[in-house]
Amino acid sequence: SIINKVRTEGDKAVLEYEATFDKVALSALAVTPEEIQVAGTLVSDELKAAISLAKQNIETFHASQRFVGKKVETMNGVTCWQKSVGIEKVGLYIPGGTAPLFSTVLMLAVPAKIAGCKEIVLCTPPDKNGNIHPAILFAAQLAGVSKIFKGGVQAIAAMAYGTESVPKVYKIFGPGNQYVTAAKQLVSLRDVAIDMPAGPSEVEVLADASANPVFVAADLLSQAEHGIDSQAILITTSEKLQTEVMAEVERQLAELPRREIAAKSLENSKLILVKDLDEALELTNAYAPEHLIIETENYMEVAERVTNAGSVFLGSLTPESA
């Protein structure tokens, strides 16, 4: 019903749903240049430096993935080759509710820019004052986003069909809650392409006796605090580590600003003891985690045996061990 209403009523419907879902009365959907300028003054120099460094690293990695077509003569007088062309208009959805994911802005917009997308449209929910998190706006401007609009789940429909303000795009990228995922799946049935139907966020830490329980606990909690339906799993060959991590999770949880969300998420989480790395890898590949963090002594050897994971990190994600 949300999709149909936005499709027929455009901006009016998007604004009405903003009042319903985000409890804010907006006069317009587009973020103004003045709002972006003010946002830049609200982001600390330390965070700006971190965002800039992240952009540089993401840019370096994805620039190496540029497709270079090679001409092949299949027979005398017949030459074949491939050419890669960026999608002209792409839409990026950035969660902005309980956890504004400004890192996701970089992870989506930087590759889009490198690919040669001519127009990059970003939509994200505002807070109850009608403002976008300043770090999201700073990251978007830094990454070269063309246009920024305010809107939650209804913005998926706005990008899929276009409104008076929001351009119609050809493919929508970005994570979100179950409602955003459902909206993306519905509009992708025939009207617009999407990246994938993202589920609840999840992480697995695969660790042995050599792992630091403080780091393991921090890595588990970093994912648990994403949302109440997130899942964090430890698979370990060490009973001692399992016990230490359990205690460390409780200690760190008490200090988390988002401890209520993380605590709810931990109800879905598990600490699993296995007999050896063979069993650990068999279980890991069956579970197929979205994020896999390998904290073992022979991490390179273990990584080579992973066949089913979204992304793999060798070593802890915590700053202390970076």
C-alpha atoms as a PDB file:
ATOM      1  CA  SER A   1       0.000   0.000   0.000  1.00  0.00           C
ATOM      2  CA  ILE A   2       2.920   2.352   0.736  1.00  0.00           C
ATOM      3  CA  ILE A   3       4.464   1.648  -2.658  1.00  0.00           C
ATOM      4  CA  ASN A   4       1.177   2.165  -4.498  1.00  0.00           C
ATOM      5  CA  LYS A   5       0.465   5.437  -2.697  1.00  0.00           C
ATOM      6  CA  VAL A   6       3.922   6.845  -3.423  1.00  0.00           C
ATOM      7  CA  ARG A   7       3.669   5.710  -7.035  1.00  0.00           C
ATOM      8  CA  THR A   8       0.393   7.605  -7.545  1.00  0.00           C
ATOM      9  CA  GLU A   9       0.787  10.598  -5.212  1.00  0.00           C
ATOM     10  CA  GLY A  10       4.548  11.263  -5.331  1.00  0.00           C
ATOM     11  CA  ASP A  11       6.043  13.759  -2.879  1.00  0.00           C
ATOM     12  CA  LYS A  12       2.746  14.196  -1.045  1.00  0.00           C
ATOM     13  CA  ALA A  13       2.692  10.538  -0.037  1.00  0.00           C
ATOM     14  CA  VAL A  14       6.379  10.494   0.944  1.00  0.00           C
ATOM     15  CA  LEU A  15       5.860  13.521   3.198  1.00  0.00           C
ATOM     16  CA  GLU A  16       2.756  11.968   4.774  1.00  0.00           C
ATOM     17  CA  TYR A  17       4.636   8.784   5.587  1.00  0.00           C
ATOM     18  CA  GLU A  18       7.459  10.840   7.093  1.00  0.00           C
ATOM     19  CA  ALA A  19       4.944  12.285   9.530  1.00  0.00           C
ATOM     20  CA  THR A  20       3.591   8.784  10.253  1.00  0.00           C
ATOM     21  CA  PHE A  21       6.841   6.842  10.637  1.00  0.00           C
ATOM     22  CA  ASP A  22       9.483   9.387  11.641  1.00  0.00           C
ATOM     23  CA  LYS A  23       7.104  11.768  13.476  1.00  0.00           C
ATOM     24  CA  VAL A  24       8.357  14.822  11.609  1.00  0.00           C
ATOM     25  CA  ALA A  25       6.503  17.306   9.388  1.00  0.00           C
ATOM     26  CA  LEU A  26       8.746  18.197   6.445  1.00  0.00           C
ATOM     27  CA  SER A  27       8.089  20.967   3.954  1.00  0.00           C
ATOM     28  CA  ALA A  28      10.439  19.442   1.373  1.00  0.00           C
ATOM     29  CA  LEU A  29      12.324  16.192   0.774  1.00  0.00           C
ATOM     30  CA  ALA A  30      15.563  17.506  -0.715  1.00  0.00           C
ATOM     31  CA  VAL A  31      18.511  18.296   1.533  1.00  0.00           C
ATOM     32  CA  THR A  32      19.666  21.838   0.833  1.00  0.00           C
ATOM     33  CA  PRO A  33      23.266  23.011   0.254  1.00  0.00           C
ATOM     34  CA  GLU A  34      22.913  25.030   3.469  1.00  0.00           C
ATOM     35  CA  GLU A  35      22.096  21.881   5.457  1.00  0.00           C
ATOM     36  CA  ILE A  36      25.174  20.160   4.033  1.00  0.00           C
ATOM     37  CA  GLN A  37      27.335  23.158   4.889  1.00  0.00           C
ATOM     38  CA  VAL A  38      26.051  23.260   8.485  1.00  0.00           C
ATOM     39  CA  ALA A  39      26.588  19.513   8.829  1.00  0.00           C
ATOM     40  CA  GLY A  40      30.260  19.993   8.023  1.00  0.00           C
ATOM     41  CA  THR A  41      30.635  22.219  11.084  1.00  0.00           C
ATOM     42  CA  LEU A  42      28.977  19.625  13.351  1.00  0.00           C
ATOM     43  CA  VAL A  43      31.366  16.778  12.536  1.00  0.00           C
ATOM     44  CA  SER A  44      34.520  16.690  14.639  1.00  0.00           C
ATOM     45  CA  ASP A  45      37.908  16.969  12.951  1.00  0.00           C
ATOM     46  CA  GLU A  46      38.763  13.517  14.271  1.00  0.00           C
ATOM     47  CA  LEU A  47      35.703  11.936  12.651  1.00  0.00           C
ATOM     48  CA  LYS A  48      36.264  13.865   9.416  1.00  0.00           C
ATOM     49  CA  ALA A  49      39.794  12.503   9.269  1.00  0.00           C
ATOM     50  CA  ALA A  50      38.533   8.956   9.893  1.00  0.00           C
ATOM     51  CA  ILE A  51      35.867   9.259   7.173  1.00  0.00           C
ATOM     52  CA  SER A  52      38.410  10.688   4.720  1.00  0.00           C
ATOM     53  CA  LEU A  53      40.857   7.881   5.454  1.00  0.00           C
ATOM     54  CA  ALA A  54      38.115   5.274   5.005  1.00  0.00           C
ATOM     55  CA  LYS A  55      37.129   6.837   1.673  1.00  0.00           C
ATOM     56  CA  GLN A  56      40.733   6.696   0.500  1.00  0.00           C
ATOM     57  CA  ASN A  57      41.060   3.017   1.450  1.00  0.00           C
ATOM     58  CA  ILE A  58      37.741   2.058  -0.167  1.00  0.00           C
ATOM     59  CA  GLU A  59      38.660   4.015  -3.297  1.00  0.00           C
ATOM     60  CA  THR A  60      42.054   2.303  -3.545  1.00  0.00           C
ATOM     61  CA  PHE A  61      40.520  -1.153  -3.224  1.00  0.00           C
ATOM     62  CA  HIS A  62      37.646  -0.679  -5.666  1.00  0.00           C
ATOM     63  CA  ALA A  63      39.703   1.216  -8.241  1.00  0.00           C
ATOM     64  CA  SER A  64      41.685  -2.006  -8.700  1.00  0.00           C
ATOM     65  CA  GLN A  65      38.455  -3.740  -9.763  1.00  0.00           C
ATOM     66  CA  ARG A  66      37.870  -1.561 -12.840  1.00  0.00           C
ATOM     67  CA  PHE A  67      37.026  -3.801 -15.765  1.00  0.00           C
ATOM     68  CA  VAL A  68      39.516  -3.722 -18.635  1.00  0.00           C
ATOM     69  CA  GLY A  69      38.145  -5.315 -21.803  1.00  0.00           C
ATOM     70  CA  LYS A  70      40.521  -7.414 -23.870  1.00  0.00           C
ATOM     71  CA  LYS A  71      39.940  -7.856 -27.589  1.00  0.00           C
ATOM     72  CA  VAL A  72      40.043 -11.480 -28.693  1.00  0.00           C
ATOM     73  CA  GLU A  73      40.204 -12.627 -32.310  1.00  0.00           C
ATOM     74  CA  THR A  74      38.098 -15.808 -32.252  1.00  0.00           C
ATOM     75  CA  MET A  75      38.758 -16.519 -35.928  1.00  0.00           C
ATOM     76  CA  ASN A  76      40.220 -14.703 -38.886  1.00  0.00           C
ATOM     77  CA  GLY A  77      38.412 -11.359 -39.245  1.00  0.00           C
ATOM     78  CA  VAL A  78      36.175 -11.817 -36.147  1.00  0.00           C
ATOM     79  CA  THR A  79      37.107  -9.819 -33.047  1.00  0.00           C
ATOM     80  CA  CYS A  80      35.075  -9.940 -29.808  1.00  0.00           C
ATOM     81  CA  TRP A  81      35.373  -7.937 -26.636  1.00  0.00           C
ATOM     82  CA  GLN A  82      33.465  -6.846 -23.543  1.00  0.00           C
ATOM     83  CA  LYS A  83      32.810  -3.299 -22.389  1.00  0.00           C
ATOM     84  CA  SER A  84      31.753  -2.280 -18.878  1.00  0.00           C
ATOM     85  CA  VAL A  85      29.431   0.748 -18.594  1.00  0.00           C
ATOM     86  CA  GLY A  86      28.309   2.298 -15.307  1.00  0.00           C
ATOM     87  CA  ILE A  87      24.577   2.401 -14.515  1.00  0.00           C
ATOM     88  CA  GLU A  88      23.431   5.918 -15.380  1.00  0.00           C
ATOM     89  CA  LYS A  89      21.269   6.531 -12.288  1.00  0.00           C
ATOM     90  CA  VAL A  90      21.616   4.626  -9.006  1.00  0.00           C
ATOM     91  CA  GLY A  91      19.768   5.036  -5.724  1.00  0.00           C
ATOM     92  CA  LEU A  92      21.420   4.499  -2.353  1.00  0.00           C
ATOM     93  CA  TYR A  93      19.392   3.815   0.784  1.00  0.00           C
ATOM     94  CA  ILE A  94      21.237   4.611   4.016  1.00  0.00           C
ATOM     95  CA  PRO A  95      19.742   3.588   7.387  1.00  0.00           C
ATOM     96  CA  GLY A  96      19.480   6.604   9.645  1.00  0.00           C
ATOM     97  CA  GLY A  97      17.316   5.555  12.568  1.00  0.00           C
ATOM     98  CA  THR A  98      18.862   4.013  15.675  1.00  0.00           C
ATOM     99  CA  ALA A  99      22.246   3.646  13.902  1.00  0.00           C
ATOM    100  CA  PRO A 100      23.074   6.165  11.135  1.00  0.00           C
ATOM    101  CA  LEU A 101      25.445   4.175   8.911  1.00  0.00           C
ATOM    102  CA  PHE A 102      27.670   6.850   7.402  1.00  0.00           C
ATOM    103  CA  SER A 103      30.211   4.103   6.611  1.00  0.00           C
ATOM    104  CA  THR A 104      27.618   2.621   4.232  1.00  0.00           C
ATOM    105  CA  VAL A 105      27.559   5.924   2.345  1.00  0.00           C
ATOM    106  CA  LEU A 106      31.215   5.417   1.475  1.00  0.00           C
ATOM    107  CA  MET A 107      30.847   1.695   0.726  1.00  0.00           C
ATOM    108  CA  LEU A 108      28.122   2.421  -1.833  1.00  0.00           C
ATOM    109  CA  ALA A 109      28.875   5.860  -3.251  1.00  0.00           C
ATOM    110  CA  VAL A 110      32.620   5.430  -3.791  1.00  0.00           C
ATOM    111  CA  PRO A 111      32.278   2.321  -6.024  1.00  0.00           C
ATOM    112  CA  ALA A 112      29.389   4.013  -7.871  1.00  0.00           C
ATOM    113  CA  LYS A 113      31.606   6.988  -8.605  1.00  0.00           C
ATOM    114  CA  ILE A 114      34.468   4.758  -9.773  1.00  0.00           C
ATOM    115  CA  ALA A 115      32.066   2.780 -11.991  1.00  0.00           C
ATOM    116  CA  GLY A 116      31.078   5.999 -13.749  1.00  0.00           C
ATOM    117  CA  CYS A 117      27.461   6.327 -12.582  1.00  0.00           C
ATOM    118  CA  LYS A 118      26.327   9.746 -13.785  1.00  0.00           C
ATOM    119  CA  GLU A 119      23.747  10.384 -11.063  1.00  0.00           C
ATOM    120  CA  ILE A 120      23.954   9.067  -7.487  1.00  0.00           C
ATOM    121  CA  VAL A 121      20.770   9.630  -5.468  1.00  0.00           C
ATOM    122  CA  LEU A 122      20.821   9.058  -1.713  1.00  0.00           C
ATOM    123  CA  CYS A 123      17.809   8.683   0.584  1.00  0.00           C
ATOM    124  CA  THR A 124      17.932   8.360   4.362  1.00  0.00           C
ATOM    125  CA  PRO A 125      15.450   8.910   7.220  1.00  0.00           C
ATOM    126  CA  PRO A 126      15.672  12.182   9.185  1.00  0.00           C
ATOM    127  CA  ASP A 127      15.491  12.492  12.956  1.00  0.00           C
ATOM    128  CA  LYS A 128      12.473  13.890  14.795  1.00  0.00           C
ATOM    129  CA  ASN A 129      13.721  17.429  14.088  1.00  0.00           C
ATOM    130  CA  GLY A 130      13.832  16.749  10.361  1.00  0.00           C
ATOM    131  CA  ASN A 131      17.632  16.643  10.196  1.00  0.00           C
ATOM    132  CA  ILE A 132      19.956  14.088   8.623  1.00  0.00           C
ATOM    133  CA  HIS A 133      22.861  12.897  10.769  1.00  0.00           C
ATOM    134  CA  PRO A 134      25.727  15.323   9.948  1.00  0.00           C
ATOM    135  CA  ALA A 135      28.252  12.503   9.395  1.00  0.00           C
ATOM    136  CA  ILE A 136      26.003  11.034   6.682  1.00  0.00           C
ATOM    137  CA  LEU A 137      25.856  14.387   4.903  1.00  0.00           C
ATOM    138  CA  PHE A 138      29.610  14.936   5.236  1.00  0.00           C
ATOM    139  CA  ALA A 139      30.381  11.456   3.889  1.00  0.00           C
ATOM    140  CA  ALA A 140      27.897  11.870   1.024  1.00  0.00           C
ATOM    141  CA  GLN A 141      29.411  15.153  -0.106  1.00  0.00           C
ATOM    142  CA  LEU A 142      32.929  13.733   0.200  1.00  0.00           C
ATOM    143  CA  ALA A 143      32.011  10.648  -1.861  1.00  0.00           C
ATOM    144  CA  GLY A 144      30.390  12.646  -4.673  1.00  0.00           C
ATOM    145  CA  VAL A 145      26.683  11.947  -4.132  1.00  0.00           C
ATOM    146  CA  SER A 146      24.608  14.004  -6.590  1.00  0.00           C
ATOM    147  CA  LYS A 147      21.355  14.491  -4.649  1.00  0.00           C
ATOM    148  CA  ILE A 148      20.240  13.741  -1.089  1.00  0.00           C
ATOM    149  CA  PHE A 149      16.636  13.282   0.070  1.00  0.00           C
ATOM    150  CA  LYS A 150      14.878  12.620   3.368  1.00  0.00           C
ATOM    151  CA  GLY A 151      12.786   9.503   3.629  1.00  0.00           C
ATOM    152  CA  GLY A 152      12.514   6.079   5.228  1.00  0.00           C
ATOM    153  CA  VAL A 153      10.996   2.939   3.724  1.00  0.00           C
ATOM    154  CA  GLN A 154       8.782   5.006   1.420  1.00  0.00           C
ATOM    155  CA  ALA A 155      11.919   6.422  -0.224  1.00  0.00           C
ATOM    156  CA  ILE A 156      12.469   2.994  -1.824  1.00  0.00           C
ATOM    157  CA  ALA A 157       9.260   3.542  -3.810  1.00  0.00           C
ATOM    158  CA  ALA A 158      10.233   7.151  -4.523  1.00  0.00           C
ATOM    159  CA  MET A 159      13.517   6.035  -6.117  1.00  0.00           C
ATOM    160  CA  ALA A 160      11.856   3.141  -7.949  1.00  0.00           C
ATOM    161  CA  TYR A 161       9.164   5.243  -9.637  1.00  0.00           C
ATOM    162  CA  GLY A 162      10.309   8.850  -9.267  1.00  0.00           C
ATOM    163  CA  THR A 163       8.363  11.722  -7.708  1.00  0.00           C
ATOM    164  CA  GLU A 164       8.274  15.471  -8.287  1.00  0.00           C
ATOM    165  CA  SER A 165      11.513  15.745  -6.275  1.00  0.00           C
ATOM    166  CA  VAL A 166      13.170  12.327  -6.287  1.00  0.00           C
ATOM    167  CA  PRO A 167      14.553  11.061  -9.618  1.00  0.00           C
ATOM    168  CA  LYS A 168      13.680   7.569 -10.831  1.00  0.00           C
ATOM    169  CA  VAL A 169      16.770   5.368 -10.687  1.00  0.00           C
ATOM    170  CA  TYR A 170      17.682   2.144 -12.475  1.00  0.00           C
ATOM    171  CA  LYS A 171      19.084   0.193  -9.537  1.00  0.00           C
ATOM    172  CA  ILE A 172      18.722   0.550  -5.753  1.00  0.00           C
ATOM    173  CA  PHE A 173      21.497  -0.380  -3.320  1.00  0.00           C
ATOM    174  CA  GLY A 174      21.734  -0.398   0.451  1.00  0.00           C
ATOM    175  CA  PRO A 175      20.785  -2.214   3.647  1.00  0.00           C
ATOM    176  CA  GLY A 176      17.803  -1.644   5.893  1.00  0.00           C
ATOM    177  CA  ASN A 177      15.355  -3.277   8.261  1.00  0.00           C
ATOM    178  CA  GLN A 178      12.812  -5.909   7.247  1.00  0.00           C
ATOM    179  CA  TYR A 179      10.451  -3.261   5.865  1.00  0.00           C
ATOM    180  CA  VAL A 180      13.133  -1.753   3.631  1.00  0.00           C
ATOM    181  CA  THR A 181      14.074  -5.240   2.436  1.00  0.00           C
ATOM    182  CA  ALA A 182      10.436  -6.060   1.673  1.00  0.00           C
ATOM    183  CA  ALA A 183      10.040  -2.784  -0.237  1.00  0.00           C
ATOM    184  CA  LYS A 184      13.156  -3.478  -2.312  1.00  0.00           C
ATOM    185  CA  GLN A 185      11.953  -6.973  -3.148  1.00  0.00           C
ATOM    186  CA  LEU A 186       8.508  -5.727  -4.198  1.00  0.00           C
ATOM    187  CA  VAL A 187       9.744  -2.959  -6.502  1.00  0.00           C
ATOM    188  CA  SER A 188      12.313  -5.348  -8.019  1.00  0.00           C
ATOM    189  CA  LEU A 189       9.650  -7.747  -9.267  1.00  0.00           C
ATOM    190  CA  ARG A 190       9.314  -5.762 -12.489  1.00  0.00           C
ATOM    191  CA  ASP A 191      10.183  -2.089 -12.070  1.00  0.00           C
ATOM    192  CA  VAL A 192      13.772  -1.570 -10.883  1.00  0.00           C
ATOM    193  CA  ALA A 193      16.872  -3.655 -10.127  1.00  0.00           C
ATOM    194  CA  ILE A 194      18.217  -4.070  -6.594  1.00  0.00           C
ATOM    195  CA  ASP A 195      21.528  -5.250  -5.178  1.00  0.00           C
ATOM    196  CA  MET A 196      20.163  -8.064  -2.999  1.00  0.00           C
ATOM    197  CA  PRO A 197      17.578  -8.702  -0.277  1.00  0.00           C
ATOM    198  CA  ALA A 198      19.700  -8.053   2.807  1.00  0.00           C
ATOM    199  CA  GLY A 199      18.647  -9.889   5.949  1.00  0.00           C
ATOM    200  CA  PRO A 200      19.369  -9.112   9.604  1.00  0.00           C
ATOM    201  CA  SER A 201      23.041  -8.361  10.187  1.00  0.00           C
ATOM    202  CA  GLU A 202      25.205 -11.214  11.462  1.00  0.00           C
ATOM    203  CA  VAL A 203      28.789 -11.957  12.397  1.00  0.00           C
ATOM    204  CA  GLU A 204      30.737 -15.083  13.204  1.00  0.00           C
ATOM    205  CA  VAL A 205      34.066 -15.098  14.997  1.00  0.00           C
ATOM    206  CA  LEU A 206      36.113 -18.240  14.351  1.00  0.00           C
ATOM    207  CA  ALA A 207      38.770 -18.463  17.057  1.00  0.00           C
ATOM    208  CA  ASP A 208      41.227 -20.813  18.718  1.00  0.00           C
ATOM    209  CA  ALA A 209      43.161 -20.669  22.011  1.00  0.00           C
ATOM    210  CA  SER A 210      45.487 -17.971  20.637  1.00  0.00           C
ATOM    211  CA  ALA A 211      42.683 -15.374  20.361  1.00  0.00           C
ATOM    212  CA  ASN A 212      42.314 -12.451  22.733  1.00  0.00           C
ATOM    213  CA  PRO A 213      38.941 -12.785  24.548  1.00  0.00           C
ATOM    214  CA  VAL A 214      38.669  -9.001  24.935  1.00  0.00           C
ATOM    215  CA  PHE A 215      38.897  -8.521  21.169  1.00  0.00           C
ATOM    216  CA  VAL A 216      36.580 -11.437  20.418  1.00  0.00           C
ATOM    217  CA  ALA A 217      33.906 -10.046  22.768  1.00  0.00           C
ATOM    218  CA  ALA A 218      34.228  -6.575  21.224  1.00  0.00           C
ATOM    219  CA  ASP A 219      33.839  -7.996  17.711  1.00  0.00           C
ATOM    220  CA  LEU A 220      30.723  -9.927  18.715  1.00  0.00           C
ATOM    221  CA  LEU A 221      29.167  -6.874  20.388  1.00  0.00           C
ATOM    222  CA  SER A 222      30.002  -4.576  17.481  1.00  0.00           C
ATOM    223  CA  GLN A 223      27.527  -6.554  15.386  1.00  0.00           C
ATOM    224  CA  ALA A 224      25.041  -7.276  18.169  1.00  0.00           C
ATOM    225  CA  GLU A 225      24.415  -3.550  18.651  1.00  0.00           C
ATOM    226  CA  HIS A 226      23.291  -3.140  15.020  1.00  0.00           C
ATOM    227  CA  GLY A 227      19.746  -4.226  15.828  1.00  0.00           C
ATOM    228  CA  ILE A 228      17.651  -6.495  18.011  1.00  0.00           C
ATOM    229  CA  ASP A 229      17.414  -9.111  15.230  1.00  0.00           C
ATOM    230  CA  SER A 230      21.181  -9.238  14.611  1.00  0.00           C
ATOM    231  CA  GLN A 231      23.075 -12.421  15.429  1.00  0.00           C
ATOM    232  CA  ALA A 232      26.622 -12.854  16.747  1.00  0.00           C
ATOM    233  CA  ILE A 233      28.222 -16.296  16.915  1.00  0.00           C
ATOM    234  CA  LEU A 234      31.522 -17.546  18.276  1.00  0.00           C
ATOM    235  CA  ILE A 235      32.816 -20.891  17.020  1.00  0.00           C
ATOM    236  CA  THR A 236      35.915 -21.940  18.920  1.00  0.00           C
ATOM    237  CA  THR A 237      38.102 -24.953  19.594  1.00  0.00           C
ATOM    238  CA  SER A 238      38.981 -23.639  23.069  1.00  0.00           C
ATOM    239  CA  GLU A 239      36.678 -24.152  26.040  1.00  0.00           C
ATOM    240  CA  LYS A 240      38.802 -21.729  28.052  1.00  0.00           C
ATOM    241  CA  LEU A 241      38.342 -19.007  25.433  1.00  0.00           C
ATOM    242  CA  GLN A 242      34.610 -19.672  25.303  1.00  0.00           C
ATOM    243  CA  THR A 243      34.313 -19.141  29.053  1.00  0.00           C
ATOM    244  CA  GLU A 244      36.486 -15.995  28.996  1.00  0.00           C
ATOM    245  CA  VAL A 245      34.535 -14.498  26.092  1.00  0.00           C
ATOM    246  CA  MET A 246      31.236 -15.103  27.863  1.00  0.00           C
ATOM    247  CA  ALA A 247      32.463 -13.144  30.887  1.00  0.00           C
ATOM    248  CA  GLU A 248      34.014 -10.420  28.736  1.00  0.00           C
ATOM    249  CA  VAL A 249      30.820  -9.931  26.727  1.00  0.00           C
ATOM    250  CA  GLU A 250      28.923  -9.283  29.969  1.00  0.00           C
ATOM    251  CA  ARG A 251      31.566  -6.825  31.154  1.00  0.00           C
ATOM    252  CA  GLN A 252      31.686  -4.848  27.893  1.00  0.00           C
ATOM    253  CA  LEU A 253      27.912  -4.957  27.436  1.00  0.00           C
ATOM    254  CA  ALA A 254      27.448  -2.943  30.624  1.00  0.00           C
ATOM    255  CA  GLU A 255      29.538  -0.130  29.114  1.00  0.00           C
ATOM    256  CA  LEU A 256      27.824   0.060  25.712  1.00  0.00           C
ATOM    257  CA  PRO A 257      25.684   3.112  24.901  1.00  0.00           C
ATOM    258  CA  ARG A 258      23.400   0.780  22.870  1.00  0.00           C
ATOM    259  CA  ARG A 259      23.411  -2.006  25.468  1.00  0.00           C
ATOM    260  CA  GLU A 260      19.627  -2.530  25.416  1.00  0.00           C
ATOM    261  CA  ILE A 261      19.701  -3.289  21.684  1.00  0.00           C
ATOM    262  CA  ALA A 262      22.834  -5.435  22.004  1.00  0.00           C
ATOM    263  CA  ALA A 263      21.392  -7.355  24.951  1.00  0.00           C
ATOM    264  CA  LYS A 264      18.245  -8.177  22.963  1.00  0.00           C
ATOM    265  CA  SER A 265      20.383  -9.260  20.011  1.00  0.00           C
ATOM    266  CA  LEU A 266      22.459 -11.536  22.236  1.00  0.00           C
ATOM    267  CA  GLU A 267      19.337 -13.607  22.829  1.00  0.00           C
ATOM    268  CA  ASN A 268      19.800 -14.766  19.201  1.00  0.00           C
ATOM    269  CA  SER A 269      23.523 -15.350  19.674  1.00  0.00           C
ATOM    270  CA  LYS A 270      25.544 -18.455  20.470  1.00  0.00           C
ATOM    271  CA  LEU A 271      29.003 -19.499  21.678  1.00  0.00           C
ATOM    272  CA  ILE A 272      29.746 -22.882  20.122  1.00  0.00           C
ATOM    273  CA  LEU A 273      32.539 -25.224  21.176  1.00  0.00           C
ATOM    274  CA  VAL A 274      33.847 -27.658  18.532  1.00  0.00           C
ATOM    275  CA  LYS A 275      36.459 -30.416  18.715  1.00  0.00           C
ATOM    276  CA  ASP A 276      38.856 -29.095  16.035  1.00  0.00           C
ATOM    277  CA  LEU A 277      39.299 -26.630  13.156  1.00  0.00           C
ATOM    278  CA  ASP A 278      37.909 -29.141  10.658  1.00  0.00           C
ATOM    279  CA  GLU A 279      34.606 -29.168  12.504  1.00  0.00           C
ATOM    280  CA  ALA A 280      34.760 -25.393  12.961  1.00  0.00           C
ATOM    281  CA  LEU A 281      35.165 -24.850   9.200  1.00  0.00           C
ATOM    282  CA  GLU A 282      32.435 -27.344   8.334  1.00  0.00           C
ATOM    283  CA  LEU A 283      30.017 -25.496  10.605  1.00  0.00           C
ATOM    284  CA  THR A 284      31.204 -22.080   9.324  1.00  0.00           C
ATOM    285  CA  ASN A 285      30.634 -22.981   5.683  1.00  0.00           C
ATOM    286  CA  ALA A 286      27.200 -24.384   6.514  1.00  0.00           C
ATOM    287  CA  TYR A 287      26.236 -21.243   8.465  1.00  0.00           C
ATOM    288  CA  ALA A 288      27.557 -18.939   5.711  1.00  0.00           C
ATOM    289  CA  PRO A 289      27.912 -15.776   7.831  1.00  0.00           C
ATOM    290  CA  GLU A 290      27.495 -12.299   6.399  1.00  0.00           C
ATOM    291  CA  HIS A 291      30.722 -11.290   8.180  1.00  0.00           C
ATOM    292  CA  LEU A 292      33.367 -13.778   9.260  1.00  0.00           C
ATOM    293  CA  ILE A 293      36.257 -12.762  11.527  1.00  0.00           C
ATOM    294  CA  ILE A 294      39.072 -15.304  11.763  1.00  0.00           C
ATOM    295  CA  GLU A 295      41.127 -15.037  14.944  1.00  0.00           C
ATOM    296  CA  THR A 296      43.312 -18.136  14.842  1.00  0.00           C
ATOM    297  CA  GLU A 297      47.039 -18.742  14.915  1.00  0.00           C
ATOM    298  CA  ASN A 298      47.139 -20.027  11.318  1.00  0.00           C
ATOM    299  CA  TYR A 299      44.562 -17.563   9.980  1.00  0.00           C
ATOM    300  CA  MET A 300      45.775 -17.577   6.353  1.00  0.00           C
ATOM    301  CA  GLU A 301      45.473 -21.349   6.115  1.00  0.00           C
ATOM    302  CA  VAL A 302      42.016 -21.231   7.700  1.00  0.00           C
ATOM    303  CA  ALA A 303      40.881 -18.446   5.357  1.00  0.00           C
ATOM    304  CA  GLU A 304      41.780 -20.535   2.311  1.00  0.00           C
ATOM    305  CA  ARG A 305      39.319 -23.186   3.471  1.00  0.00           C
ATOM    306  CA  VAL A 306      36.368 -20.810   3.819  1.00  0.00           C
ATOM    307  CA  THR A 307      33.974 -21.365   0.913  1.00  0.00           C
ATOM    308  CA  ASN A 308      30.785 -19.673   2.064  1.00  0.00           C
ATOM    309  CA  ALA A 309      30.896 -16.227   3.683  1.00  0.00           C
ATOM    310  CA  GLY A 310      29.923 -12.703   2.689  1.00  0.00           C
ATOM    311  CA  SER A 311      33.133 -11.013   3.803  1.00  0.00           C
ATOM    312  CA  VAL A 312      36.153 -12.341   5.656  1.00  0.00           C
ATOM    313  CA  PHE A 313      38.403 -10.416   8.050  1.00  0.00           C
ATOM    314  CA  LEU A 314      41.709 -11.802   9.234  1.00  0.00           C
ATOM    315  CA  GLY A 315      42.277 -10.658  12.802  1.00  0.00           C
ATOM    316  CA  SER A 316      40.076  -8.642  15.114  1.00  0.00           C
ATOM    317  CA  LEU A 317      38.160  -5.575  13.917  1.00  0.00           C
ATOM    318  CA  THR A 318      38.833  -3.766  17.181  1.00  0.00           C
ATOM    319  CA  PRO A 319      41.112  -0.682  16.959  1.00  0.00           C
ATOM    320  CA  GLU A 320      43.593  -2.056  19.479  1.00  0.00           C
ATOM    321  CA  SER A 321      44.671  -4.815  17.080  1.00  0.00           C
ATOM    322  CA  ALA A 322      44.242  -2.990  13.778  1.00  0.00           C
END
